[in-house]
C-alpha atoms as a PDB file:
ATOM      1  CA  UNK A   1      79.721 107.404 115.787  1.00  0.00           C
ATOM      2  CA  UNK A   2      82.949 109.237 114.030  1.00  0.00           C
ATOM      3  CA  UNK A   3      83.966 105.998 112.598  1.00  0.00           C
ATOM      4  CA  UNK A   4      86.543 108.322 110.645  1.00  0.00           C
ATOM      5  CA  UNK A   5      89.870 107.864 109.054  1.00  0.00           C
ATOM      6  CA  UNK A   6      91.651 109.940 111.685  1.00  0.00           C
ATOM      7  CA  UNK A   7      90.218 107.943 114.756  1.00  0.00           C
ATOM      8  CA  UNK A   8      91.294 104.567 112.781  1.00  0.00           C
ATOM      9  CA  UNK A   9      94.624 105.253 110.790  1.00  0.00           C
ATOM     10  CA  UNK A  10      95.310 108.757 111.123  1.00  0.00           C
ATOM     11  CA  UNK A  11      96.328 111.367 113.495  1.00  0.00           C
ATOM     12  CA  UNK A  12      94.261 109.914 116.336  1.00  0.00           C
ATOM     13  CA  UNK A  13      94.416 106.183 115.186  1.00  0.00           C
ATOM     14  CA  UNK A  14      94.523 103.105 116.687  1.00  0.00           C
ATOM     15  CA  UNK A  15      95.094  99.625 116.024  1.00  0.00           C
ATOM     16  CA  UNK A  16      91.984  98.314 117.843  1.00  0.00           C
ATOM     17  CA  UNK A  17      89.826 100.647 115.958  1.00  0.00           C
ATOM     18  CA  UNK A  18      90.828  98.827 112.505  1.00  0.00           C
ATOM     19  CA  UNK A  19      89.019  95.691 114.055  1.00  0.00           C
ATOM     20  CA  UNK A  20      85.556  97.542 114.866  1.00  0.00           C
ATOM     21  CA  UNK A  21      85.158  97.607 110.988  1.00  0.00           C
ATOM     22  CA  UNK A  22      83.496  94.009 110.403  1.00  0.00           C
ATOM     23  CA  UNK A  23      81.138  93.885 113.337  1.00  0.00           C
ATOM     24  CA  UNK A  24      80.460  97.852 112.366  1.00  0.00           C
ATOM     25  CA  UNK A  25      79.474  96.781 108.998  1.00  0.00           C
ATOM     26  CA  UNK A  26      77.283  93.449 109.954  1.00  0.00           C
ATOM     27  CA  UNK A  27      75.796  95.532 112.834  1.00  0.00           C
ATOM     28  CA  UNK A  28      74.593  98.118 109.865  1.00  0.00           C
ATOM     29  CA  UNK A  29      73.374  95.158 107.602  1.00  0.00           C
ATOM     30  CA  UNK A  30      71.105  94.060 110.503  1.00  0.00           C
ATOM     31  CA  UNK A  31      69.804  97.162 111.097  1.00  0.00           C
ATOM     32  CA  UNK A  32      69.232  98.245 107.355  1.00  0.00           C
ATOM     33  CA  UNK A  33      67.410  94.555 107.083  1.00  0.00           C
ATOM     34  CA  UNK A  34      65.710  95.265 109.121  1.00  0.00           C
ATOM     35  CA  UNK A  35      64.484  98.642 107.485  1.00  0.00           C
ATOM     36  CA  UNK A  36      65.673 100.193 111.003  1.00  0.00           C
ATOM     37  CA  UNK A  37      67.102 104.233 110.657  1.00  0.00           C
ATOM     38  CA  UNK A  38      71.139 104.343 110.501  1.00  0.00           C
ATOM     39  CA  UNK A  39      72.985 107.936 110.987  1.00  0.00           C
ATOM     40  CA  UNK A  40      76.658 108.627 111.102  1.00  0.00           C
ATOM     41  CA  UNK A  41      78.160 111.196 113.291  1.00  0.00           C
ATOM     42  CA  UNK A  42      81.098 112.957 111.678  1.00  0.00           C
ATOM     43  CA  UNK A  43      83.672 115.010 113.316  1.00  0.00           C
ATOM     44  CA  UNK A  44      85.058 117.935 111.975  1.00  0.00           C
ATOM     45  CA  UNK A  45      87.163 120.814 112.438  1.00  0.00           C
ATOM     46  CA  UNK A  46      88.489 123.812 110.814  1.00  0.00           C
ATOM     47  CA  UNK A  47      91.781 125.493 110.610  1.00  0.00           C
ATOM     48  CA  UNK A  48      91.152 126.987 114.008  1.00  0.00           C
ATOM     49  CA  UNK A  49      91.159 123.798 115.816  1.00  0.00           C
ATOM     50  CA  UNK A  50      94.799 124.829 117.567  1.00  0.00           C
ATOM     51  CA  UNK A  51      92.609 127.737 118.725  1.00  0.00           C
ATOM     52  CA  UNK A  52      89.742 125.906 120.531  1.00  0.00           C
ATOM     53  CA  UNK A  53      89.256 124.824 123.556  1.00  0.00           C
ATOM     54  CA  UNK A  54      89.147 120.725 122.501  1.00  0.00           C
ATOM     55  CA  UNK A  55      92.291 122.039 120.239  1.00  0.00           C
ATOM     56  CA  UNK A  56      94.228 123.409 123.919  1.00  0.00           C
ATOM     57  CA  UNK A  57      93.246 120.148 126.126  1.00  0.00           C
ATOM     58  CA  UNK A  58      93.930 117.711 122.567  1.00  0.00           C
ATOM     59  CA  UNK A  59      96.496 119.344 120.857  1.00  0.00           C
ATOM     60  CA  UNK A  60      96.236 117.258 117.774  1.00  0.00           C
ATOM     61  CA  UNK A  61      95.401 118.051 114.561  1.00  0.00           C
ATOM     62  CA  UNK A  62      92.599 115.599 113.248  1.00  0.00           C
ATOM     63  CA  UNK A  63      89.542 115.940 111.254  1.00  0.00           C
ATOM     64  CA  UNK A  64      90.521 119.213 109.571  1.00  0.00           C
ATOM     65  CA  UNK A  65      90.970 117.664 105.831  1.00  0.00           C
ATOM     66  CA  UNK A  66      88.514 115.515 103.780  1.00  0.00           C
ATOM     67  CA  UNK A  67      90.717 112.440 103.901  1.00  0.00           C
ATOM     68  CA  UNK A  68      91.217 112.747 107.698  1.00  0.00           C
ATOM     69  CA  UNK A  69      86.987 113.239 107.845  1.00  0.00           C
ATOM     70  CA  UNK A  70      86.013 110.374 106.095  1.00  0.00           C
ATOM     71  CA  UNK A  71      83.946 107.510 107.208  1.00  0.00           C
ATOM     72  CA  UNK A  72      86.803 104.737 107.274  1.00  0.00           C
ATOM     73  CA  UNK A  73      87.122 101.516 105.020  1.00  0.00           C
ATOM     74  CA  UNK A  74      83.834  99.372 103.981  1.00  0.00           C
ATOM     75  CA  UNK A  75      81.591 101.324 106.609  1.00  0.00           C
ATOM     76  CA  UNK A  76      82.085 104.260 104.271  1.00  0.00           C
ATOM     77  CA  UNK A  77      79.792 102.602 101.753  1.00  0.00           C
ATOM     78  CA  UNK A  78      76.508 103.046 104.176  1.00  0.00           C
ATOM     79  CA  UNK A  79      77.037 106.795 104.321  1.00  0.00           C
ATOM     80  CA  UNK A  80      75.815 109.375 102.354  1.00  0.00           C
ATOM     81  CA  UNK A  81      74.496 113.310 102.978  1.00  0.00           C
ATOM     82  CA  UNK A  82      71.330 111.935 103.463  1.00  0.00           C
ATOM     83  CA  UNK A  83      72.215 110.138 107.056  1.00  0.00           C
ATOM     84  CA  UNK A  84      75.123 111.924 108.162  1.00  0.00           C
ATOM     85  CA  UNK A  85      75.514 114.593 110.743  1.00  0.00           C
ATOM     86  CA  UNK A  86      78.793 116.790 110.883  1.00  0.00           C
ATOM     87  CA  UNK A  87      79.712 117.872 114.129  1.00  0.00           C
ATOM     88  CA  UNK A  88      82.720 119.744 115.554  1.00  0.00           C
ATOM     89  CA  UNK A  89      82.341 119.072 118.949  1.00  0.00           C
ATOM     90  CA  UNK A  90      82.275 115.711 121.171  1.00  0.00           C
ATOM     91  CA  UNK A  91      78.368 116.001 121.184  1.00  0.00           C
ATOM     92  CA  UNK A  92      75.100 116.513 118.556  1.00  0.00           C
ATOM     93  CA  UNK A  93      72.571 118.377 119.275  1.00  0.00           C
ATOM     94  CA  UNK A  94      71.641 117.647 115.728  1.00  0.00           C
ATOM     95  CA  UNK A  95      71.694 114.200 116.160  1.00  0.00           C
ATOM     96  CA  UNK A  96      69.389 114.221 118.551  1.00  0.00           C
ATOM     97  CA  UNK A  97      67.024 116.904 116.681  1.00  0.00           C
ATOM     98  CA  UNK A  98      67.124 114.481 113.945  1.00  0.00           C
ATOM     99  CA  UNK A  99      66.013 111.732 116.263  1.00  0.00           C
ATOM    100  CA  UNK A 100      63.325 113.182 117.327  1.00  0.00           C
ATOM    101  CA  UNK A 101      61.404 113.321 113.794  1.00  0.00           C
ATOM    102  CA  UNK A 102      61.234 109.649 113.677  1.00  0.00           C
ATOM    103  CA  UNK A 103      57.889 108.372 115.859  1.00  0.00           C
ATOM    104  CA  UNK A 104      58.229 105.237 117.735  1.00  0.00           C
ATOM    105  CA  UNK A 105      61.686 105.012 118.243  1.00  0.00           C
ATOM    106  CA  UNK A 106      61.862 102.023 120.515  1.00  0.00           C
ATOM    107  CA  UNK A 107      65.992 101.394 121.261  1.00  0.00           C
ATOM    108  CA  UNK A 108      69.280 103.374 119.809  1.00  0.00           C
ATOM    109  CA  UNK A 109      72.453 101.408 119.910  1.00  0.00           C
ATOM    110  CA  UNK A 110      75.794 103.383 119.600  1.00  0.00           C
ATOM    111  CA  UNK A 111      78.839 102.424 118.235  1.00  0.00           C
ATOM    112  CA  UNK A 112      81.878 103.404 116.608  1.00  0.00           C
ATOM    113  CA  UNK A 113      84.936 105.978 118.259  1.00  0.00           C
ATOM    114  CA  UNK A 114      86.234 106.910 120.575  1.00  0.00           C
ATOM    115  CA  UNK A 115      84.226 105.467 123.694  1.00  0.00           C
ATOM    116  CA  UNK A 116      85.441 107.699 125.985  1.00  0.00           C
ATOM    117  CA  UNK A 117      84.755 110.774 124.265  1.00  0.00           C
ATOM    118  CA  UNK A 118      82.543 111.219 121.556  1.00  0.00           C
ATOM    119  CA  UNK A 119      80.164 108.214 121.875  1.00  0.00           C
ATOM    120  CA  UNK A 120      79.869 109.047 126.183  1.00  0.00           C
ATOM    121  CA  UNK A 121      79.107 112.586 125.236  1.00  0.00           C
ATOM    122  CA  UNK A 122      76.291 111.276 122.075  1.00  0.00           C
ATOM    123  CA  UNK A 123      74.786 108.670 124.694  1.00  0.00           C
ATOM    124  CA  UNK A 124      74.393 110.979 127.265  1.00  0.00           C
ATOM    125  CA  UNK A 125      72.499 113.607 124.874  1.00  0.00           C
ATOM    126  CA  UNK A 126      70.816 111.065 124.216  1.00  0.00           C
ATOM    127  CA  UNK A 127      69.691 109.906 127.444  1.00  0.00           C
ATOM    128  CA  UNK A 128      68.954 113.593 128.058  1.00  0.00           C
ATOM    129  CA  UNK A 129      66.723 114.120 125.212  1.00  0.00           C
ATOM    130  CA  UNK A 130      65.160 110.625 125.709  1.00  0.00           C
ATOM    131  CA  UNK A 131      64.800 109.645 128.798  1.00  0.00           C
ATOM    132  CA  UNK A 132      62.642 106.561 128.689  1.00  0.00           C
ATOM    133  CA  UNK A 133      64.038 104.949 124.999  1.00  0.00           C
ATOM    134  CA  UNK A 134      66.551 101.923 125.961  1.00  0.00           C
ATOM    135  CA  UNK A 135      70.140 103.065 124.585  1.00  0.00           C
ATOM    136  CA  UNK A 136      72.783 100.023 123.866  1.00  0.00           C
ATOM    137  CA  UNK A 137      76.295 100.169 123.328  1.00  0.00           C
ATOM    138  CA  UNK A 138      77.785  97.046 121.849  1.00  0.00           C
ATOM    139  CA  UNK A 139      81.017  96.540 123.404  1.00  0.00           C
ATOM    140  CA  UNK A 140      82.949  95.187 120.296  1.00  0.00           C
ATOM    141  CA  UNK A 141      81.859  97.861 118.109  1.00  0.00           C
ATOM    142  CA  UNK A 142      83.230 100.471 119.781  1.00  0.00           C
ATOM    143  CA  UNK A 143      86.299 101.750 121.854  1.00  0.00           C
ATOM    144  CA  UNK A 144      89.239 104.023 122.756  1.00  0.00           C
ATOM    145  CA  UNK A 145      93.190 104.490 122.054  1.00  0.00           C
ATOM    146  CA  UNK A 146      93.517 103.723 126.306  1.00  0.00           C
ATOM    147  CA  UNK A 147      91.918 101.011 127.443  1.00  0.00           C
ATOM    148  CA  UNK A 148      91.269 101.741 130.649  1.00  0.00           C
ATOM    149  CA  UNK A 149      89.078 105.236 129.216  1.00  0.00           C
ATOM    150  CA  UNK A 150      87.631 102.585 127.063  1.00  0.00           C
ATOM    151  CA  UNK A 151      86.184 100.475 130.438  1.00  0.00           C
ATOM    152  CA  UNK A 152      85.401 103.404 132.112  1.00  0.00           C
ATOM    153  CA  UNK A 153      83.454 104.792 129.336  1.00  0.00           C
ATOM    154  CA  UNK A 154      81.594 101.613 129.163  1.00  0.00           C
ATOM    155  CA  UNK A 155      80.792 101.826 133.270  1.00  0.00           C
ATOM    156  CA  UNK A 156      79.488 105.233 132.956  1.00  0.00           C
ATOM    157  CA  UNK A 157      77.015 104.227 130.231  1.00  0.00           C
ATOM    158  CA  UNK A 158      76.094 101.367 131.781  1.00  0.00           C
ATOM    159  CA  UNK A 159      76.135 103.139 135.353  1.00  0.00           C
ATOM    160  CA  UNK A 160      73.429 105.547 133.107  1.00  0.00           C
ATOM    161  CA  UNK A 161      71.003 103.235 132.780  1.00  0.00           C
ATOM    162  CA  UNK A 162      72.220 101.784 129.378  1.00  0.00           C
ATOM    163  CA  UNK A 163      72.719  98.235 127.851  1.00  0.00           C
ATOM    164  CA  UNK A 164      76.076  97.730 127.462  1.00  0.00           C
ATOM    165  CA  UNK A 165      76.451  94.211 125.474  1.00  0.00           C
ATOM    166  CA  UNK A 166      78.887  92.028 124.559  1.00  0.00           C
ATOM    167  CA  UNK A 167      81.700  93.429 127.081  1.00  0.00           C
ATOM    168  CA  UNK A 168      84.586  90.837 127.546  1.00  0.00           C
ATOM    169  CA  UNK A 169      85.132  91.211 130.996  1.00  0.00           C
END
């Protein structure tokens, strides 16, 4: 989810986000080596961002240009037009629609940024649309600029019967 330049070292970046690059790449390699599907989401906003509800509550322009929208660092080498979903809101209905095309899904695993906003929103959408498919959240592959919000988001996802792994608490 949204492991993009503006969330790592750009307008909404935070130090811990850089540390996720290696674990996320390892996770992608693991899934690709098994022949599993790996999808990416990209937060993408237009010039009208400040007039949106999100823009009023989070008045920091982000992901409005090609660089800010870009997937960060080495993770970018895995993303392409065929496996990347652009979205202009926290959760992506298109992600759910795309995943419903695959038969025999055994589980979902989410990683990326920001745990307390887009990761949580998409996890909730997946839970609602796929109530009997396990969802895994690797705490070593997600985060938020506010660590207390990250912890709360992980608590909420765990409470929604998602498996939160590698939590260091």
